[in-house]
Protein backbone atom coordinates (compact mmCIF):
# COMPACT_ATOMS: atom_id res chain seq x y z
CA MET A 1 13.10 -47.86 26.96
CA LYS A 2 15.84 -46.19 24.92
CA TYR A 3 13.17 -44.87 22.47
CA GLY A 4 11.17 -43.51 25.39
CA LEU A 5 14.13 -41.58 26.68
CA SER A 6 14.80 -40.15 23.21
CA LEU A 7 11.17 -39.06 22.86
CA ALA A 8 11.22 -37.47 26.29
CA LEU A 9 14.43 -35.66 25.45
CA LEU A 10 12.94 -34.43 22.17
CA LEU A 11 9.84 -33.14 23.93
CA ALA A 12 12.00 -31.40 26.53
CA ILE A 13 14.06 -29.74 23.80
CA GLN A 14 10.92 -28.60 21.98
CA SER A 15 9.48 -27.21 25.21
CA LEU A 16 12.70 -25.35 25.97
CA THR A 17 12.85 -23.97 22.43
CA ALA A 18 9.24 -22.77 22.61
CA GLN A 19 9.99 -21.10 25.93
CA THR A 20 13.07 -19.43 24.49
CA ASP A 21 11.07 -18.17 21.50
CA ALA A 22 8.30 -16.87 23.75
CA GLU A 23 10.88 -15.00 25.80
CA MET A 24 12.38 -13.51 22.65
CA LEU A 25 8.99 -12.32 21.37
CA ASP A 26 8.29 -10.84 24.79
CA ARG A 27 11.59 -8.99 24.68
CA ILE A 28 10.94 -7.75 21.14
CA HIS A 29 7.52 -6.40 22.06
CA LYS A 30 8.66 -4.72 25.28
CA THR A 31 11.56 -3.07 23.48
CA ALA A 32 9.32 -1.86 20.65
CA LEU A 33 6.84 -0.36 23.10
CA THR A 34 9.43 1.41 25.25
CA GLN A 35 12.51 2.12 23.13
CA GLY A 36 11.39 2.17 19.51
CA HIS A 37 11.65 5.15 17.17
CA CYS A 38 9.08 4.29 14.49
CA TYR A 39 6.47 6.78 15.74
CA GLN A 40 8.98 9.64 15.83
CA TRP A 41 10.23 8.68 12.38
CA LEU A 42 6.67 8.74 11.09
CA ASP A 43 6.06 12.13 12.70
CA ASP A 44 9.07 13.53 10.85
CA LEU A 45 8.23 11.77 7.60
CA SER A 46 4.65 13.03 7.70
CA ASN A 47 4.98 16.50 9.19
CA LYS A 48 8.48 17.61 8.17
CA VAL A 49 8.74 15.84 4.81
CA GLY A 50 5.05 15.57 3.91
CA ALA A 51 3.46 14.02 0.83
CA ARG A 52 5.86 11.96 -1.27
CA LEU A 53 4.36 11.47 -4.72
CA SER A 54 6.86 9.79 -7.03
CA GLY A 55 9.12 12.25 -8.77
CA SER A 56 8.21 15.11 -6.41
CA GLU A 57 10.39 17.20 -4.13
CA GLY A 58 8.65 15.50 -1.20
CA ALA A 59 9.71 12.08 -2.44
CA ALA A 60 13.32 13.27 -2.74
CA LYS A 61 13.17 14.62 0.83
CA GLY A 62 11.73 11.29 2.00
CA VAL A 63 14.65 9.44 0.44
CA LYS A 64 17.15 11.74 2.12
CA TYR A 65 15.46 11.56 5.53
CA THR A 66 15.10 7.78 5.69
CA GLN A 67 18.64 7.23 4.44
CA GLU A 68 19.93 9.50 7.22
CA GLN A 69 17.95 7.64 9.87
CA LEU A 70 19.14 4.25 8.67
CA ASN A 71 22.71 5.51 8.74
CA GLN A 72 22.30 6.33 12.42
CA LEU A 73 21.37 2.73 13.29
CA GLY A 74 24.90 1.41 12.76
CA LEU A 75 23.88 -1.07 10.05
CA ASP A 76 26.34 -2.99 7.91
CA LYS A 77 25.12 -1.33 4.71
CA VAL A 78 22.91 1.62 3.80
CA TYR A 79 22.57 2.62 0.16
CA LEU A 80 20.29 3.98 -2.54
CA GLN A 81 19.14 2.03 -5.57
CA GLU A 82 18.38 4.07 -8.67
CA VAL A 83 14.92 3.76 -10.22
CA MET A 84 13.19 5.80 -12.91
CA VAL A 85 9.68 6.86 -11.86
CA PRO A 86 6.81 8.84 -13.40
CA LYS A 87 6.47 12.51 -12.51
CA TRP A 88 2.74 13.30 -12.49
CA GLU A 89 1.51 16.55 -10.99
CA ARG A 90 -2.05 17.35 -9.89
CA GLY A 91 -2.00 21.06 -10.69
CA GLU A 92 -4.69 23.44 -9.47
CA LYS A 93 -7.53 22.37 -7.18
CA GLU A 94 -10.18 20.58 -9.20
CA VAL A 95 -13.68 22.00 -9.73
CA ALA A 96 -16.89 20.15 -10.55
CA TYR A 97 -20.64 20.75 -10.47
CA LEU A 98 -23.85 19.38 -11.93
CA ASN A 99 -25.58 22.07 -13.95
CA LEU A 100 -29.28 22.12 -13.06
CA GLY A 101 -30.25 25.23 -14.99
CA LYS A 102 -30.96 27.99 -12.47
CA LYS A 103 -28.95 26.22 -9.78
CA ARG A 104 -26.04 23.83 -9.56
CA LEU A 105 -24.84 21.00 -7.36
CA ASP A 106 -21.21 21.54 -6.40
CA LEU A 107 -19.17 18.34 -6.17
CA SER A 108 -15.99 17.53 -4.24
CA ILE A 109 -13.63 15.80 -6.67
CA CYS A 110 -9.94 15.09 -7.20
CA ALA A 111 -8.12 13.94 -10.31
CA LEU A 112 -7.21 10.28 -10.41
CA GLY A 113 -3.49 9.59 -10.51
CA MET A 114 -1.96 9.61 -14.00
CA SER A 115 -5.12 11.14 -15.46
CA VAL A 116 -4.90 13.66 -18.27
CA ALA A 117 -6.26 17.15 -17.82
CA THR A 118 -9.55 18.48 -19.06
CA PRO A 119 -9.47 21.22 -21.69
CA LYS A 120 -8.14 24.49 -20.26
CA ASN A 121 -11.61 25.91 -19.65
CA GLY A 122 -13.01 22.66 -18.36
CA LEU A 123 -15.30 20.00 -19.78
CA GLU A 124 -19.10 19.89 -19.75
CA ALA A 125 -21.33 17.13 -21.05
CA GLN A 126 -24.37 15.07 -20.21
CA VAL A 127 -23.60 12.50 -17.55
CA ILE A 128 -24.65 8.84 -17.49
CA GLU A 129 -24.55 6.79 -14.29
CA VAL A 130 -23.45 3.15 -14.42
CA LYS A 131 -22.65 0.59 -11.74
CA SER A 132 -20.03 -1.49 -13.53
CA LEU A 133 -17.79 -1.87 -16.55
CA ASP A 134 -20.18 -4.47 -17.91
CA GLU A 135 -23.09 -2.02 -17.69
CA LEU A 136 -20.98 0.54 -19.51
CA LYS A 137 -20.16 -1.88 -22.30
CA ALA A 138 -23.82 -2.91 -22.60
CA LEU A 139 -24.76 0.71 -23.35
CA GLY A 140 -22.56 0.70 -26.43
CA ALA A 141 -20.84 3.52 -28.27
CA ASP A 142 -24.07 5.10 -29.56
CA LYS A 143 -25.22 5.96 -26.02
CA VAL A 144 -21.79 6.67 -24.53
CA LYS A 145 -20.18 8.84 -27.19
CA GLY A 146 -19.77 12.45 -26.10
CA LYS A 147 -20.92 11.74 -22.53
CA ILE A 148 -19.30 11.81 -19.10
CA ILE A 149 -19.57 8.42 -17.40
CA PHE A 150 -20.29 8.34 -13.68
CA PHE A 151 -19.20 5.04 -12.11
CA ASN A 152 -21.17 4.63 -8.88
CA ARG A 153 -20.65 1.14 -7.46
CA PRO A 154 -20.00 1.41 -3.68
CA MET A 155 -17.68 -0.78 -1.68
CA ASP A 156 -19.74 -3.69 -0.35
CA PRO A 157 -20.53 -2.95 3.33
CA GLU A 158 -21.40 -6.61 3.96
CA GLN A 159 -17.77 -7.65 3.48
CA ILE A 160 -16.09 -7.96 6.87
CA GLU A 161 -12.70 -8.01 5.15
CA THR A 162 -12.57 -4.50 3.77
CA PHE A 163 -9.87 -5.32 1.23
CA ARG A 164 -12.37 -7.68 -0.40
CA ALA A 165 -14.84 -4.80 -0.59
CA TYR A 166 -12.12 -2.64 -2.15
CA GLY A 167 -11.17 -5.33 -4.63
CA GLY A 168 -14.81 -5.70 -5.60
CA CYS A 169 -15.13 -2.19 -6.99
CA VAL A 170 -11.67 -0.78 -7.71
CA ASP A 171 -11.86 -1.80 -11.38
CA GLN A 172 -14.04 1.30 -11.93
CA ARG A 173 -11.13 3.50 -10.88
CA SER A 174 -8.33 1.56 -12.52
CA SER A 175 -10.03 0.73 -15.84
CA GLY A 176 -13.03 3.04 -16.09
CA ALA A 177 -11.39 5.80 -18.12
CA ARG A 178 -9.77 3.35 -20.49
CA GLU A 179 -12.98 1.44 -21.21
CA ALA A 180 -15.21 4.51 -21.40
CA GLY A 181 -12.76 6.17 -23.75
CA LYS A 182 -12.95 3.24 -26.14
CA LEU A 183 -16.68 3.90 -26.50
CA GLY A 184 -16.26 7.61 -27.13
CA ALA A 185 -16.90 9.07 -23.67
CA VAL A 186 -15.24 12.42 -23.02
CA GLY A 187 -14.65 12.03 -19.27
CA VAL A 188 -15.13 9.83 -16.22
CA ILE A 189 -16.21 10.49 -12.63
CA VAL A 190 -15.70 7.59 -10.17
CA ARG A 191 -17.20 7.10 -6.73
CA SER A 192 -14.42 7.14 -4.12
CA MET A 193 -13.21 3.81 -2.76
CA ASN A 194 -14.46 4.43 0.77
CA LEU A 195 -16.91 2.63 3.06
CA ARG A 196 -17.64 5.82 4.98
CA LEU A 197 -19.91 8.64 3.81
CA ASP A 198 -17.87 11.86 3.84
CA ASP A 199 -16.84 14.85 1.74
CA LEU A 200 -13.33 13.58 0.96
CA PRO A 201 -12.57 12.38 -2.57
CA HIS A 202 -10.08 9.50 -2.67
CA THR A 203 -7.53 9.44 -5.46
CA GLY A 204 -5.68 6.42 -6.85
CA MET A 205 -4.21 5.39 -10.16
CA THR A 206 -6.17 5.09 -13.37
CA ASN A 207 -4.58 2.95 -16.06
CA TYR A 208 -4.93 3.86 -19.72
CA GLY A 209 -3.06 0.77 -20.90
CA ASP A 210 -1.95 1.16 -24.50
CA THR A 211 -4.47 3.93 -25.29
CA PRO A 212 -2.69 6.61 -27.37
CA GLU A 213 -2.13 9.79 -25.39
CA ASN A 214 -4.32 11.89 -27.68
CA GLN A 215 -7.23 9.52 -27.05
CA ARG A 216 -7.07 9.49 -23.25
CA ILE A 217 -9.96 11.07 -21.36
CA PRO A 218 -9.81 12.84 -17.97
CA ALA A 219 -10.84 10.91 -14.86
CA ALA A 220 -11.67 12.12 -11.36
CA ALA A 221 -12.96 10.69 -8.10
CA VAL A 222 -15.96 12.17 -6.32
CA SER A 223 -16.59 11.93 -2.57
CA THR A 224 -19.06 9.33 -1.36
CA LEU A 225 -21.54 11.92 -0.07
CA ASP A 226 -21.46 13.79 -3.36
CA ALA A 227 -21.70 10.54 -5.32
CA ASN A 228 -24.99 9.90 -3.56
CA ALA A 229 -26.15 13.47 -4.15
CA LEU A 230 -25.20 13.27 -7.83
CA SER A 231 -27.04 9.98 -8.24
CA ASP A 232 -30.17 11.40 -6.59
CA ALA A 233 -30.07 14.53 -8.75
CA LEU A 234 -29.79 12.51 -11.96
CA LYS A 235 -32.94 10.57 -11.10
CA THR A 236 -35.01 13.74 -11.45
CA ASN A 237 -32.71 15.52 -13.93
CA PRO A 238 -31.53 12.79 -16.33
CA ASN A 239 -30.45 15.28 -18.99
CA ALA A 240 -28.38 17.47 -16.66
CA THR A 241 -24.83 18.25 -17.67
CA LEU A 242 -21.75 17.90 -15.50
CA PHE A 243 -18.83 20.32 -15.59
CA PHE A 244 -15.37 19.55 -14.28
CA ARG A 245 -11.95 21.04 -14.62
CA GLN A 246 -8.53 19.65 -13.69
CA THR A 247 -5.05 20.72 -14.78
CA CYS A 248 -2.94 17.64 -14.01
CA VAL A 249 0.07 16.86 -16.18
CA ASN A 250 2.41 13.91 -16.73
CA LYS A 251 6.01 15.09 -17.12
CA GLY A 252 7.57 11.75 -18.05
CA GLU A 253 10.11 9.84 -15.98
CA VAL A 254 12.69 11.16 -13.54
CA LEU A 255 15.37 9.60 -11.36
CA SER A 256 14.49 8.49 -7.85
CA TYR A 257 15.61 5.77 -5.43
CA ASN A 258 14.74 2.77 -3.34
CA VAL A 259 16.29 3.23 0.11
CA ILE A 260 18.00 0.11 1.49
CA GLY A 261 19.61 -0.79 4.80
CA GLU A 262 20.79 -4.21 5.96
CA ILE A 263 22.35 -6.32 8.67
CA THR A 264 24.65 -8.99 7.25
CA GLY A 265 23.85 -12.56 8.25
CA THR A 266 26.33 -14.43 10.48
CA GLU A 267 25.78 -17.89 8.93
CA PHE A 268 24.03 -17.33 5.60
CA PRO A 269 25.04 -13.85 4.43
CA ASN A 270 24.07 -14.65 0.84
CA GLN A 271 20.52 -15.63 1.80
CA ILE A 272 18.46 -12.47 2.09
CA MET A 273 15.30 -11.75 4.07
CA VAL A 274 13.55 -8.56 3.02
CA VAL A 275 11.18 -6.39 5.01
CA GLY A 276 9.69 -3.32 3.44
CA GLY A 277 7.01 -0.78 2.62
CA HIS A 278 6.67 1.92 -0.03
CA LEU A 279 8.10 5.36 0.55
CA ASP A 280 5.99 7.17 -2.03
CA SER A 281 2.48 8.37 -1.25
CA TRP A 282 -0.32 10.24 -2.90
CA ASP A 283 -0.30 13.99 -2.65
CA LEU A 284 -3.59 14.79 -0.87
CA GLY A 285 -2.51 13.89 2.68
CA ASP A 286 0.94 13.03 4.01
CA GLY A 287 0.81 9.27 3.46
CA SER A 288 1.05 8.28 7.13
CA HIS A 289 -0.97 5.08 6.83
CA ASP A 290 -0.20 4.49 3.14
CA ASP A 291 2.60 3.77 3.50
CA GLY A 292 4.75 5.79 5.85
CA ALA A 293 3.72 3.33 8.55
CA GLY A 294 5.10 0.35 6.64
CA CYS A 295 8.38 2.13 5.99
CA VAL A 296 9.07 3.10 9.60
CA GLN A 297 7.98 -0.33 10.82
CA SER A 298 10.48 -1.93 8.44
CA MET A 299 13.21 0.37 9.69
CA GLU A 300 12.19 -0.53 13.23
CA VAL A 301 12.80 -4.22 12.56
CA LEU A 302 16.47 -3.48 12.04
CA GLU A 303 16.61 -1.17 15.04
CA LEU A 304 14.99 -3.74 17.33
CA PHE A 305 17.49 -6.42 16.33
CA LYS A 306 20.30 -3.99 17.08
CA LYS A 307 18.81 -2.93 20.42
CA ILE A 308 18.27 -6.46 21.75
CA GLY A 309 21.66 -7.60 20.44
CA TYR A 310 20.24 -10.25 18.10
CA LYS A 311 22.63 -11.22 15.33
CA PRO A 312 20.61 -12.80 12.52
CA LYS A 313 21.81 -15.86 10.64
CA HIS A 314 20.53 -14.51 7.33
CA THR A 315 21.04 -11.04 5.90
CA ILE A 316 18.07 -8.89 6.94
CA ARG A 317 17.41 -6.11 4.45
CA ALA A 318 14.91 -3.27 4.85
CA VAL A 319 13.78 -1.85 1.50
CA LEU A 320 11.76 1.34 1.23
CA PHE A 321 10.34 1.03 -2.26
CA MET A 322 9.61 4.02 -4.48
CA ASN A 323 6.57 4.32 -6.78
CA GLU A 324 4.17 1.65 -5.57
CA GLU A 325 1.22 3.99 -6.04
CA ASN A 326 1.49 4.75 -9.74
CA GLY A 327 3.72 2.22 -11.41
CA VAL A 328 5.49 -0.23 -9.01
CA LYS A 329 8.76 0.82 -10.61
CA GLY A 330 10.64 0.42 -7.32
CA GLY A 331 9.57 -3.20 -6.85
CA LEU A 332 10.30 -4.05 -10.48
CA GLN A 333 13.72 -2.39 -10.38
CA TYR A 334 14.60 -4.15 -7.14
CA GLU A 335 13.86 -7.54 -8.67
CA ALA A 336 15.83 -6.61 -11.81
CA GLU A 337 18.84 -5.89 -9.61
CA VAL A 338 18.32 -9.15 -7.72
CA GLN A 339 18.50 -11.02 -11.00
CA ARG A 340 21.47 -9.01 -12.25
CA LYS A 341 23.46 -9.69 -9.08
CA GLY A 342 22.31 -13.29 -8.75
CA GLU A 343 21.06 -12.69 -5.20
CA GLN A 344 19.13 -15.36 -3.32
CA HIS A 345 16.04 -14.22 -1.43
CA VAL A 346 14.41 -16.70 0.93
CA PHE A 347 11.83 -14.55 2.71
CA ALA A 348 10.06 -11.23 2.12
CA LEU A 349 7.62 -9.37 4.36
CA GLU A 350 5.70 -6.24 3.40
CA SER A 351 3.66 -3.82 5.48
CA ASP A 352 1.25 -1.84 3.29
CA ALA A 353 -2.15 -2.02 4.95
CA GLY A 354 -1.90 0.84 7.43
CA GLY A 355 -0.50 1.39 10.90
CA PHE A 356 -3.47 -0.07 12.74
CA ALA A 357 -3.33 -2.84 15.36
CA PRO A 358 -1.77 -6.01 13.89
CA ARG A 359 -4.02 -9.04 13.58
CA GLY A 360 -1.80 -11.52 11.73
CA PHE A 361 -0.15 -12.29 8.42
CA SER A 362 -1.10 -13.54 4.99
CA PHE A 363 1.38 -15.81 3.23
CA GLU A 364 2.34 -16.80 -0.27
CA ILE A 365 3.78 -20.10 0.85
CA ASP A 366 3.91 -23.84 0.20
CA ASP A 367 2.24 -26.37 2.47
CA ALA A 368 5.44 -27.46 4.26
CA ASN A 369 6.40 -23.93 5.30
CA PHE A 370 2.81 -23.08 6.14
CA GLY A 371 2.82 -26.03 8.50
CA GLN A 372 5.90 -24.59 10.19
CA VAL A 373 4.20 -21.21 10.49
CA GLY A 374 1.25 -22.91 12.14
CA LEU A 375 3.52 -24.14 14.93
CA TRP A 376 4.42 -20.51 15.71
CA LYS A 377 0.85 -19.30 16.01
CA PRO A 378 0.65 -19.86 19.80
CA LEU A 379 3.65 -17.56 20.21
CA PHE A 380 1.66 -14.68 18.70
CA GLU A 381 -1.67 -15.26 20.42
CA PRO A 382 -0.69 -13.42 23.65
CA TYR A 383 -0.44 -10.30 21.47
CA LEU A 384 -3.92 -10.90 20.00
CA ILE A 385 -2.35 -11.89 16.68
CA HIS A 386 -4.19 -14.96 15.50
CA LEU A 387 -4.74 -14.60 11.72
CA PHE A 388 -2.40 -16.89 9.78
CA ARG A 389 -3.60 -17.71 6.28
CA LYS A 390 -2.56 -18.07 2.70
CA GLY A 391 -3.16 -15.02 0.54
CA HIS A 392 -1.68 -11.88 -0.99
CA SER A 393 1.59 -10.63 0.51
CA GLY A 394 2.42 -7.25 -1.01
CA VAL A 395 2.66 -5.32 -4.27
CA ASP A 396 6.31 -4.32 -3.98
CA ILE A 397 7.60 -7.80 -3.10
CA GLY A 398 5.33 -9.35 -5.71
CA PRO A 399 7.97 -9.24 -8.49
CA LEU A 400 10.49 -11.27 -6.45
CA LYS A 401 11.01 -14.60 -8.19
CA SER A 402 13.74 -16.38 -6.23
CA PRO A 403 13.43 -20.18 -6.69
CA LYS A 404 12.65 -20.83 -3.01
CA ILE A 405 10.99 -17.92 -1.25
CA VAL A 406 8.22 -17.34 1.27
CA LYS A 407 6.36 -14.02 1.06
CA ALA A 408 4.18 -12.51 3.76
CA GLY A 409 2.08 -9.41 4.35
CA LEU A 410 1.30 -7.84 7.72
CA GLN A 411 -2.47 -7.83 8.29
CA PRO A 412 -3.59 -5.00 10.59
CA ASP A 413 -7.20 -4.39 11.57
CA SER A 414 -8.62 -2.92 8.36
CA GLN A 415 -12.01 -1.53 9.39
CA ARG A 416 -10.87 2.12 9.34
CA TYR A 417 -8.19 1.84 6.68
CA PHE A 418 -10.30 2.94 3.72
CA ASP A 419 -11.56 5.98 5.64
CA HIS A 420 -8.06 7.37 5.02
CA HIS A 421 -6.76 5.50 1.98
CA HIS A 422 -5.60 7.90 -0.79
CA ALA A 423 -7.42 10.84 0.82
CA ALA A 424 -6.56 14.17 2.43
CA ASN A 425 -7.08 12.69 5.91
CA ASP A 426 -4.27 10.15 5.55
CA THR A 427 -2.29 12.14 8.08
CA PHE A 428 -0.14 11.55 11.13
CA ASP A 429 -2.89 12.32 13.64
CA ALA A 430 -4.79 9.25 12.37
CA VAL A 431 -2.02 6.88 13.50
CA ASN A 432 -1.96 5.44 17.02
CA LYS A 433 1.55 5.18 18.49
CA ARG A 434 0.99 1.90 20.31
CA GLU A 435 -0.68 0.19 17.35
CA LEU A 436 2.18 1.26 15.07
CA GLU A 437 4.75 -0.13 17.52
CA LEU A 438 2.88 -3.41 17.93
CA GLY A 439 2.92 -3.85 14.17
CA ALA A 440 6.69 -3.35 14.10
CA ALA A 441 7.11 -5.88 16.92
CA ALA A 442 4.95 -8.44 15.11
CA MET A 443 7.03 -8.05 11.96
CA THR A 444 10.28 -8.38 13.89
CA SER A 445 8.97 -11.49 15.63
CA LEU A 446 8.05 -13.22 12.38
CA ILE A 447 11.41 -12.42 10.82
CA TYR A 448 13.18 -13.68 13.95
CA LEU A 449 11.40 -17.03 13.68
CA PHE A 450 12.07 -17.44 9.98
CA ASP A 451 15.67 -16.43 10.53
CA LYS A 452 16.09 -18.94 13.36
CA TYR A 453 14.38 -21.91 11.73
CA GLY A 454 14.89 -21.14 8.06
CA ILE A 455 12.81 -22.01 5.02
CA LEU A 456 11.92 -25.66 4.57
């Protein structure tokens, strides 16, 4: 009988706790939807600051603006963390066309991030279309030398998870110039990483690895519509030459900053829970989805805790990382400082998949803590957040190596993300206010639960 009473008491306590947590999540969501500032912050970051490519004036303005906004929240600490970042500039608008003798096919292109320039007067050579790095390598140096390589493998439209489609073809962009250069190619054109057919070229970083600077070849992305047109034209004009010109330049490294704000924990001030996004963006749009959204949502987590009067047990730290797009220097520097200071991180959450409606979270997590997360799933289902799975968390929090840490990534609906990713239409008008706020509320809710129950 005594055991029965204890079990009944335990069940009553669990029921009361679940009710209390549900009420807290309800309060978080209502506050985010009625009193939050993340949408206004994003408006300012996108339309007053603009593009924030690492090392640029825009990036410096982004640092200043977000630091000022964090200072207005009444946090326990707001500070900048120095980080050296690359300063790459695009230069003049790029030009490209396929020379068909008496006529030409104009192409919409943009230089890939960190690419070298073409010669001053441009570059023209016969173009060879391939679908993969393996197909390139199978051609061999004899067929590749002196040519421009056109990588034309689309994102797989059959993949429901669009990040899988992206991962299935992004090696062309990241490694294409390096591998083609090894075989003697003089340039590379890459189909944009985009599921939609449009006229917008999508940039992104190309990685030369340890290729000497004087052996690096220029690389550009071409829009999906023009990739199709180029492919069709080459079928009937296999010996046509392609001309392109770009004037980008890498000016070495310059000083920039991670922007950090935190609320000190009441019980475990030396155990840190991080929430963050990356403040830098590419230069074609204003970086609203990638990743202004993640930055303002992370700031909103701190604001929501302040507004509802929640005093976290652990130190909650928002980190706006610099240089995720072309080097991850901010994430690497942050971890270096963690090690230098001997800080203990127990949880990290990143938002870097756009400001669309939240659908759940992916976790880098052990089985015990994943079991705990599973118990919280019913709390999120009223908000149509049901995806809880193991998987990638985030690039910037990836370097964190604390002995006992759970990492998570916000998973918004991704079907429209790659329409905007790294392109000129990644702009504020593409972000829905309510979806952005719901994402911030979901992040705050997850951090609240981890803060309350801790890491197992």
